[in-house]
Amino acid sequence: MCICINCLYVHKCSTYKYIQQQHQGNTNIVPPEFYPINTIINVNLYNNNIPLQLDWDIIECMSFIDKPGYWKN
């Protein structure tokens, strides 16, 4: 699970917007305003179906500031 859903910067973060693009294939996302430092992205590969499925998550970020549920706003 992506830690970004509980981060203060979720709505303006460049790395989170990149992850959104990977999940949705959407390139029409608003340009980011915040560039986090030292993020770690985990990509899980699922070969249960064809085509191969990828699940992208940010699991660590040095810029993370805890604000639970902020992604809902």
PDB file of N, CA and C in Angstrom:
ATOM      1  N   MET A   1       0.839  -1.185   0.000  1.00  0.00           N
ATOM      2  CA  MET A   1       0.000   0.000   0.000  1.00  0.00           C
ATOM      3  C   MET A   1       0.882   1.246   0.000  1.00  0.00           C
ATOM      4  N   CYS A   2       0.489   2.210  -0.770  1.00  0.00           N
ATOM      5  CA  CYS A   2       1.243   3.447  -0.910  1.00  0.00           C
ATOM      6  C   CYS A   2       1.095   4.312   0.343  1.00  0.00           C
ATOM      7  N   ILE A   3       2.210   4.759   0.899  1.00  0.00           N
ATOM      8  CA  ILE A   3       2.176   5.585   2.107  1.00  0.00           C
ATOM      9  C   ILE A   3       1.628   6.982   1.829  1.00  0.00           C
ATOM     10  N   CYS A   4       1.541   7.358   0.582  1.00  0.00           N
ATOM     11  CA  CYS A   4       1.154   8.718   0.202  1.00  0.00           C
ATOM     12  C   CYS A   4      -0.242   9.117   0.655  1.00  0.00           C
ATOM     13  N   ILE A   5      -1.128   8.152   0.831  1.00  0.00           N
ATOM     14  CA  ILE A   5      -2.494   8.516   1.211  1.00  0.00           C
ATOM     15  C   ILE A   5      -2.544   9.192   2.578  1.00  0.00           C
ATOM     16  N   ASN A   6      -1.494   9.047   3.360  1.00  0.00           N
ATOM     17  CA  ASN A   6      -1.441   9.699   4.674  1.00  0.00           C
ATOM     18  C   ASN A   6      -0.379  10.787   4.733  1.00  0.00           C
ATOM     19  N   CYS A   7      -0.039  11.382   3.594  1.00  0.00           N
ATOM     20  CA  CYS A   7       1.011  12.403   3.554  1.00  0.00           C
ATOM     21  C   CYS A   7       0.430  13.783   3.252  1.00  0.00           C
ATOM     22  N   LEU A   8       0.983  14.774   3.883  1.00  0.00           N
ATOM     23  CA  LEU A   8       0.588  16.169   3.682  1.00  0.00           C
ATOM     24  C   LEU A   8       0.753  16.616   2.226  1.00  0.00           C
ATOM     25  N   TYR A   9       1.717  16.045   1.500  1.00  0.00           N
ATOM     26  CA  TYR A   9       2.034  16.490   0.139  1.00  0.00           C
ATOM     27  C   TYR A   9       1.337  15.694  -0.966  1.00  0.00           C
ATOM     28  N   VAL A  10       0.435  14.786  -0.620  1.00  0.00           N
ATOM     29  CA  VAL A  10      -0.135  13.857  -1.594  1.00  0.00           C
ATOM     30  C   VAL A  10      -0.727  14.554  -2.829  1.00  0.00           C
ATOM     31  N   HIS A  11      -1.342  15.709  -2.678  1.00  0.00           N
ATOM     32  CA  HIS A  11      -2.028  16.361  -3.794  1.00  0.00           C
ATOM     33  C   HIS A  11      -1.100  17.123  -4.740  1.00  0.00           C
ATOM     34  N   LYS A  12       0.138  17.343  -4.320  1.00  0.00           N
ATOM     35  CA  LYS A  12       1.033  18.119  -5.181  1.00  0.00           C
ATOM     36  C   LYS A  12       2.375  17.437  -5.428  1.00  0.00           C
ATOM     37  N   CYS A  13       2.515  16.177  -5.059  1.00  0.00           N
ATOM     38  CA  CYS A  13       3.782  15.457  -5.121  1.00  0.00           C
ATOM     39  C   CYS A  13       4.052  14.867  -6.513  1.00  0.00           C
ATOM     40  N   SER A  14       5.224  15.119  -7.032  1.00  0.00           N
ATOM     41  CA  SER A  14       5.595  14.625  -8.361  1.00  0.00           C
ATOM     42  C   SER A  14       5.678  13.098  -8.407  1.00  0.00           C
ATOM     43  N   THR A  15       6.194  12.486  -7.370  1.00  0.00           N
ATOM     44  CA  THR A  15       6.331  11.033  -7.365  1.00  0.00           C
ATOM     45  C   THR A  15       4.964  10.370  -7.265  1.00  0.00           C
ATOM     46  N   TYR A  16       4.080  10.898  -6.452  1.00  0.00           N
ATOM     47  CA  TYR A  16       2.742  10.324  -6.345  1.00  0.00           C
ATOM     48  C   TYR A  16       1.993  10.469  -7.670  1.00  0.00           C
ATOM     49  N   LYS A  17       2.154  11.601  -8.330  1.00  0.00           N
ATOM     50  CA  LYS A  17       1.504  11.790  -9.627  1.00  0.00           C
ATOM     51  C   LYS A  17       2.040  10.789 -10.658  1.00  0.00           C
ATOM     52  N   TYR A  18       3.322  10.471 -10.575  1.00  0.00           N
ATOM     53  CA  TYR A  18       3.904   9.454 -11.448  1.00  0.00           C
ATOM     54  C   TYR A  18       3.258   8.089 -11.185  1.00  0.00           C
ATOM     55  N   ILE A  19       3.081   7.750  -9.912  1.00  0.00           N
ATOM     56  CA  ILE A  19       2.443   6.486  -9.535  1.00  0.00           C
ATOM     57  C   ILE A  19       1.009   6.451 -10.055  1.00  0.00           C
ATOM     58  N   GLN A  20       0.289   7.557  -9.944  1.00  0.00           N
ATOM     59  CA  GLN A  20      -1.071   7.632 -10.475  1.00  0.00           C
ATOM     60  C   GLN A  20      -1.080   7.353 -11.973  1.00  0.00           C
ATOM     61  N   GLN A  21      -0.127   7.912 -12.680  1.00  0.00           N
ATOM     62  CA  GLN A  21      -0.037   7.686 -14.121  1.00  0.00           C
ATOM     63  C   GLN A  21       0.196   6.214 -14.432  1.00  0.00           C
ATOM     64  N   GLN A  22       1.001   5.548 -13.630  1.00  0.00           N
ATOM     65  CA  GLN A  22       1.282   4.134 -13.854  1.00  0.00           C
ATOM     66  C   GLN A  22       0.027   3.289 -13.624  1.00  0.00           C
ATOM     67  N   HIS A  23      -0.754   3.642 -12.631  1.00  0.00           N
ATOM     68  CA  HIS A  23      -1.982   2.892 -12.332  1.00  0.00           C
ATOM     69  C   HIS A  23      -3.066   3.149 -13.377  1.00  0.00           C
ATOM     70  N   GLN A  24      -3.199   4.376 -13.798  1.00  0.00           N
ATOM     71  CA  GLN A  24      -4.322   4.770 -14.637  1.00  0.00           C
ATOM     72  C   GLN A  24      -3.958   4.952 -16.099  1.00  0.00           C
ATOM     73  N   GLY A  25      -2.676   5.054 -16.390  1.00  0.00           N
ATOM     74  CA  GLY A  25      -2.281   5.347 -17.764  1.00  0.00           C
ATOM     75  C   GLY A  25      -2.680   6.744 -18.182  1.00  0.00           C
ATOM     76  N   ASN A  26      -2.941   7.605 -17.208  1.00  0.00           N
ATOM     77  CA  ASN A  26      -3.426   8.956 -17.467  1.00  0.00           C
ATOM     78  C   ASN A  26      -2.262   9.935 -17.527  1.00  0.00           C
ATOM     79  N   THR A  27      -2.143  10.654 -18.627  1.00  0.00           N
ATOM     80  CA  THR A  27      -1.081  11.654 -18.764  1.00  0.00           C
ATOM     81  C   THR A  27      -1.614  13.073 -18.622  1.00  0.00           C
ATOM     82  N   ASN A  28      -2.901  13.225 -18.312  1.00  0.00           N
ATOM     83  CA  ASN A  28      -3.518  14.547 -18.180  1.00  0.00           C
ATOM     84  C   ASN A  28      -3.622  14.988 -16.725  1.00  0.00           C
ATOM     85  N   ILE A  29      -2.646  14.645 -15.934  1.00  0.00           N
ATOM     86  CA  ILE A  29      -2.646  15.008 -14.520  1.00  0.00           C
ATOM     87  C   ILE A  29      -1.973  16.370 -14.347  1.00  0.00           C
ATOM     88  N   VAL A  30      -2.492  17.178 -13.423  1.00  0.00           N
ATOM     89  CA  VAL A  30      -1.959  18.517 -13.153  1.00  0.00           C
ATOM     90  C   VAL A  30      -0.472  18.421 -12.805  1.00  0.00           C
ATOM     91  N   PRO A  31       0.347  19.310 -13.345  1.00  0.00           N
ATOM     92  CA  PRO A  31       1.786  19.272 -13.040  1.00  0.00           C
ATOM     93  C   PRO A  31       2.056  19.376 -11.537  1.00  0.00           C
ATOM     94  N   PRO A  32       3.051  18.641 -11.050  1.00  0.00           N
ATOM     95  CA  PRO A  32       3.354  18.659  -9.616  1.00  0.00           C
ATOM     96  C   PRO A  32       3.988  19.972  -9.173  1.00  0.00           C
ATOM     97  N   GLU A  33       3.836  20.259  -7.891  1.00  0.00           N
ATOM     98  CA  GLU A  33       4.432  21.447  -7.291  1.00  0.00           C
ATOM     99  C   GLU A  33       5.496  21.088  -6.263  1.00  0.00           C
ATOM    100  N   PHE A  34       5.577  19.798  -5.909  1.00  0.00           N
ATOM    101  CA  PHE A  34       6.478  19.352  -4.851  1.00  0.00           C
ATOM    102  C   PHE A  34       7.285  18.157  -5.345  1.00  0.00           C
ATOM    103  N   TYR A  35       8.586  18.174  -5.093  1.00  0.00           N
ATOM    104  CA  TYR A  35       9.486  17.099  -5.508  1.00  0.00           C
ATOM    105  C   TYR A  35      10.137  16.495  -4.264  1.00  0.00           C
ATOM    106  N   PRO A  36       9.662  15.322  -3.843  1.00  0.00           N
ATOM    107  CA  PRO A  36      10.159  14.714  -2.612  1.00  0.00           C
ATOM    108  C   PRO A  36      11.577  14.176  -2.763  1.00  0.00           C
ATOM    109  N   ILE A  37      12.213  13.907  -1.636  1.00  0.00           N
ATOM    110  CA  ILE A  37      13.567  13.359  -1.665  1.00  0.00           C
ATOM    111  C   ILE A  37      13.554  11.912  -1.170  1.00  0.00           C
ATOM    112  N   ASN A  38      14.439  11.136  -1.739  1.00  0.00           N
ATOM    113  CA  ASN A  38      14.685   9.752  -1.327  1.00  0.00           C
ATOM    114  C   ASN A  38      13.430   8.899  -1.203  1.00  0.00           C
ATOM    115  N   THR A  39      12.711   8.784  -2.296  1.00  0.00           N
ATOM    116  CA  THR A  39      11.543   7.908  -2.300  1.00  0.00           C
ATOM    117  C   THR A  39      11.953   6.516  -2.761  1.00  0.00           C
ATOM    118  N   ILE A  40      11.261   5.518  -2.238  1.00  0.00           N
ATOM    119  CA  ILE A  40      11.456   4.138  -2.676  1.00  0.00           C
ATOM    120  C   ILE A  40      10.132   3.653  -3.230  1.00  0.00           C
ATOM    121  N   ILE A  41      10.148   3.213  -4.478  1.00  0.00           N
ATOM    122  CA  ILE A  41       8.960   2.708  -5.148  1.00  0.00           C
ATOM    123  C   ILE A  41       9.062   1.191  -5.232  1.00  0.00           C
ATOM    124  N   ASN A  42       7.993   0.521  -4.851  1.00  0.00           N
ATOM    125  CA  ASN A  42       7.908  -0.932  -4.925  1.00  0.00           C
ATOM    126  C   ASN A  42       6.949  -1.286  -6.059  1.00  0.00           C
ATOM    127  N   VAL A  43       7.396  -2.152  -6.962  1.00  0.00           N
ATOM    128  CA  VAL A  43       6.537  -2.602  -8.054  1.00  0.00           C
ATOM    129  C   VAL A  43       6.361  -4.111  -7.925  1.00  0.00           C
ATOM    130  N   ASN A  44       5.115  -4.519  -7.740  1.00  0.00           N
ATOM    131  CA  ASN A  44       4.800  -5.944  -7.664  1.00  0.00           C
ATOM    132  C   ASN A  44       4.309  -6.412  -9.025  1.00  0.00           C
ATOM    133  N   LEU A  45       4.798  -7.548  -9.453  1.00  0.00           N
ATOM    134  CA  LEU A  45       4.393  -8.133 -10.727  1.00  0.00           C
ATOM    135  C   LEU A  45       3.446  -9.290 -10.458  1.00  0.00           C
ATOM    136  N   TYR A  46       2.310  -9.292 -11.135  1.00  0.00           N
ATOM    137  CA  TYR A  46       1.344 -10.366 -11.002  1.00  0.00           C
ATOM    138  C   TYR A  46       1.188 -11.043 -12.350  1.00  0.00           C
ATOM    139  N   ASN A  47       1.461 -12.321 -12.372  1.00  0.00           N
ATOM    140  CA  ASN A  47       1.401 -13.077 -13.610  1.00  0.00           C
ATOM    141  C   ASN A  47       0.216 -14.046 -13.600  1.00  0.00           C
ATOM    142  N   ASN A  48      -0.863 -13.676 -12.925  1.00  0.00           N
ATOM    143  CA  ASN A  48      -2.047 -14.531 -12.866  1.00  0.00           C
ATOM    144  C   ASN A  48      -2.847 -14.487 -14.159  1.00  0.00           C
ATOM    145  N   ASN A  49      -2.801 -13.367 -14.804  1.00  0.00           N
ATOM    146  CA  ASN A  49      -3.546 -13.179 -16.054  1.00  0.00           C
ATOM    147  C   ASN A  49      -2.603 -12.668 -17.125  1.00  0.00           C
ATOM    148  N   ILE A  50      -3.030 -12.794 -18.327  1.00  0.00           N
ATOM    149  CA  ILE A  50      -2.285 -12.178 -19.424  1.00  0.00           C
ATOM    150  C   ILE A  50      -3.120 -10.990 -19.856  1.00  0.00           C
ATOM    151  N   PRO A  51      -2.619  -9.797 -19.928  1.00  0.00           N
ATOM    152  CA  PRO A  51      -1.224  -9.405 -19.798  1.00  0.00           C
ATOM    153  C   PRO A  51      -0.776  -9.317 -18.331  1.00  0.00           C
ATOM    154  N   LEU A  52       0.503  -9.216 -18.170  1.00  0.00           N
ATOM    155  CA  LEU A  52       1.125  -9.087 -16.857  1.00  0.00           C
ATOM    156  C   LEU A  52       0.588  -7.834 -16.164  1.00  0.00           C
ATOM    157  N   GLN A  53       0.298  -7.929 -14.878  1.00  0.00           N
ATOM    158  CA  GLN A  53      -0.206  -6.791 -14.129  1.00  0.00           C
ATOM    159  C   GLN A  53       0.877  -6.255 -13.197  1.00  0.00           C
ATOM    160  N   LEU A  54       0.951  -4.928 -13.092  1.00  0.00           N
ATOM    161  CA  LEU A  54       1.911  -4.257 -12.218  1.00  0.00           C
ATOM    162  C   LEU A  54       1.163  -3.466 -11.157  1.00  0.00           C
ATOM    163  N   ASP A  55       1.642  -3.524  -9.926  1.00  0.00           N
ATOM    164  CA  ASP A  55       1.073  -2.749  -8.836  1.00  0.00           C
ATOM    165  C   ASP A  55       2.175  -1.858  -8.274  1.00  0.00           C
ATOM    166  N   TRP A  56       2.022  -0.549  -8.407  1.00  0.00           N
ATOM    167  CA  TRP A  56       3.022   0.435  -8.019  1.00  0.00           C
ATOM    168  C   TRP A  56       2.675   1.044  -6.659  1.00  0.00           C
ATOM    169  N   ASP A  57       3.649   1.120  -5.761  1.00  0.00           N
ATOM    170  CA  ASP A  57       3.458   1.726  -4.445  1.00  0.00           C
ATOM    171  C   ASP A  57       4.725   2.452  -4.002  1.00  0.00           C
ATOM    172  N   ILE A  58       4.554   3.585  -3.342  1.00  0.00           N
ATOM    173  CA  ILE A  58       5.670   4.262  -2.700  1.00  0.00           C
ATOM    174  C   ILE A  58       5.706   3.743  -1.267  1.00  0.00           C
ATOM    175  N   ILE A  59       6.815   3.138  -0.890  1.00  0.00           N
ATOM    176  CA  ILE A  59       6.882   2.515   0.431  1.00  0.00           C
ATOM    177  C   ILE A  59       7.755   3.288   1.417  1.00  0.00           C
ATOM    178  N   GLU A  60       8.545   4.234   0.908  1.00  0.00           N
ATOM    179  CA  GLU A  60       9.371   5.054   1.798  1.00  0.00           C
ATOM    180  C   GLU A  60       9.642   6.394   1.131  1.00  0.00           C
ATOM    181  N   CYS A  61       9.671   7.451   1.940  1.00  0.00           N
ATOM    182  CA  CYS A  61       9.915   8.795   1.425  1.00  0.00           C
ATOM    183  C   CYS A  61      10.421   9.673   2.567  1.00  0.00           C
ATOM    184  N   MET A  62      11.562  10.298   2.374  1.00  0.00           N
ATOM    185  CA  MET A  62      12.132  11.155   3.412  1.00  0.00           C
ATOM    186  C   MET A  62      11.345  12.460   3.572  1.00  0.00           C
ATOM    187  N   SER A  63      10.510  12.812   2.608  1.00  0.00           N
ATOM    188  CA  SER A  63       9.708  14.029   2.697  1.00  0.00           C
ATOM    189  C   SER A  63       8.339  13.795   3.323  1.00  0.00           C
ATOM    190  N   PHE A  64       8.034  12.569   3.679  1.00  0.00           N
ATOM    191  CA  PHE A  64       6.729  12.205   4.225  1.00  0.00           C
ATOM    192  C   PHE A  64       6.435  12.967   5.521  1.00  0.00           C
ATOM    193  N   ILE A  65       5.259  13.611   5.553  1.00  0.00           N
ATOM    194  CA  ILE A  65       4.745  14.249   6.764  1.00  0.00           C
ATOM    195  C   ILE A  65       3.354  13.675   6.998  1.00  0.00           C
ATOM    196  N   ASP A  66       3.183  13.006   8.121  1.00  0.00           N
ATOM    197  CA  ASP A  66       1.952  12.282   8.430  1.00  0.00           C
ATOM    198  C   ASP A  66       0.753  13.215   8.580  1.00  0.00           C
ATOM    199  N   LYS A  67      -0.262  12.971   7.780  1.00  0.00           N
ATOM    200  CA  LYS A  67      -1.554  13.662   7.892  1.00  0.00           C
ATOM    201  C   LYS A  67      -2.613  12.651   7.454  1.00  0.00           C
ATOM    202  N   PRO A  68      -2.991  11.737   8.355  1.00  0.00           N
ATOM    203  CA  PRO A  68      -3.902  10.637   8.012  1.00  0.00           C
ATOM    204  C   PRO A  68      -5.183  11.093   7.316  1.00  0.00           C
ATOM    205  N   GLY A  69      -5.504  10.417   6.216  1.00  0.00           N
ATOM    206  CA  GLY A  69      -6.725  10.674   5.478  1.00  0.00           C
ATOM    207  C   GLY A  69      -6.706  11.891   4.599  1.00  0.00           C
ATOM    208  N   TYR A  70      -5.574  12.575   4.467  1.00  0.00           N
ATOM    209  CA  TYR A  70      -5.520  13.835   3.695  1.00  0.00           C
ATOM    210  C   TYR A  70      -5.852  13.628   2.229  1.00  0.00           C
ATOM    211  N   TRP A  71      -5.605  12.456   1.675  1.00  0.00           N
ATOM    212  CA  TRP A  71      -5.878  12.175   0.262  1.00  0.00           C
ATOM    213  C   TRP A  71      -7.364  12.317  -0.072  1.00  0.00           C
ATOM    214  N   LYS A  72      -8.242  12.220   0.921  1.00  0.00           N
ATOM    215  CA  LYS A  72      -9.691  12.317   0.675  1.00  0.00           C
ATOM    216  C   LYS A  72     -10.125  13.739   0.355  1.00  0.00           C
ATOM    217  N   ASN A  73      -9.331  14.723   0.777  1.00  0.00           N
ATOM    218  CA  ASN A  73      -9.704  16.140   0.581  1.00  0.00           C
ATOM    219  C   ASN A  73      -9.526  16.570  -0.852  1.00  0.00           C
TER     220      ASN A  73
END
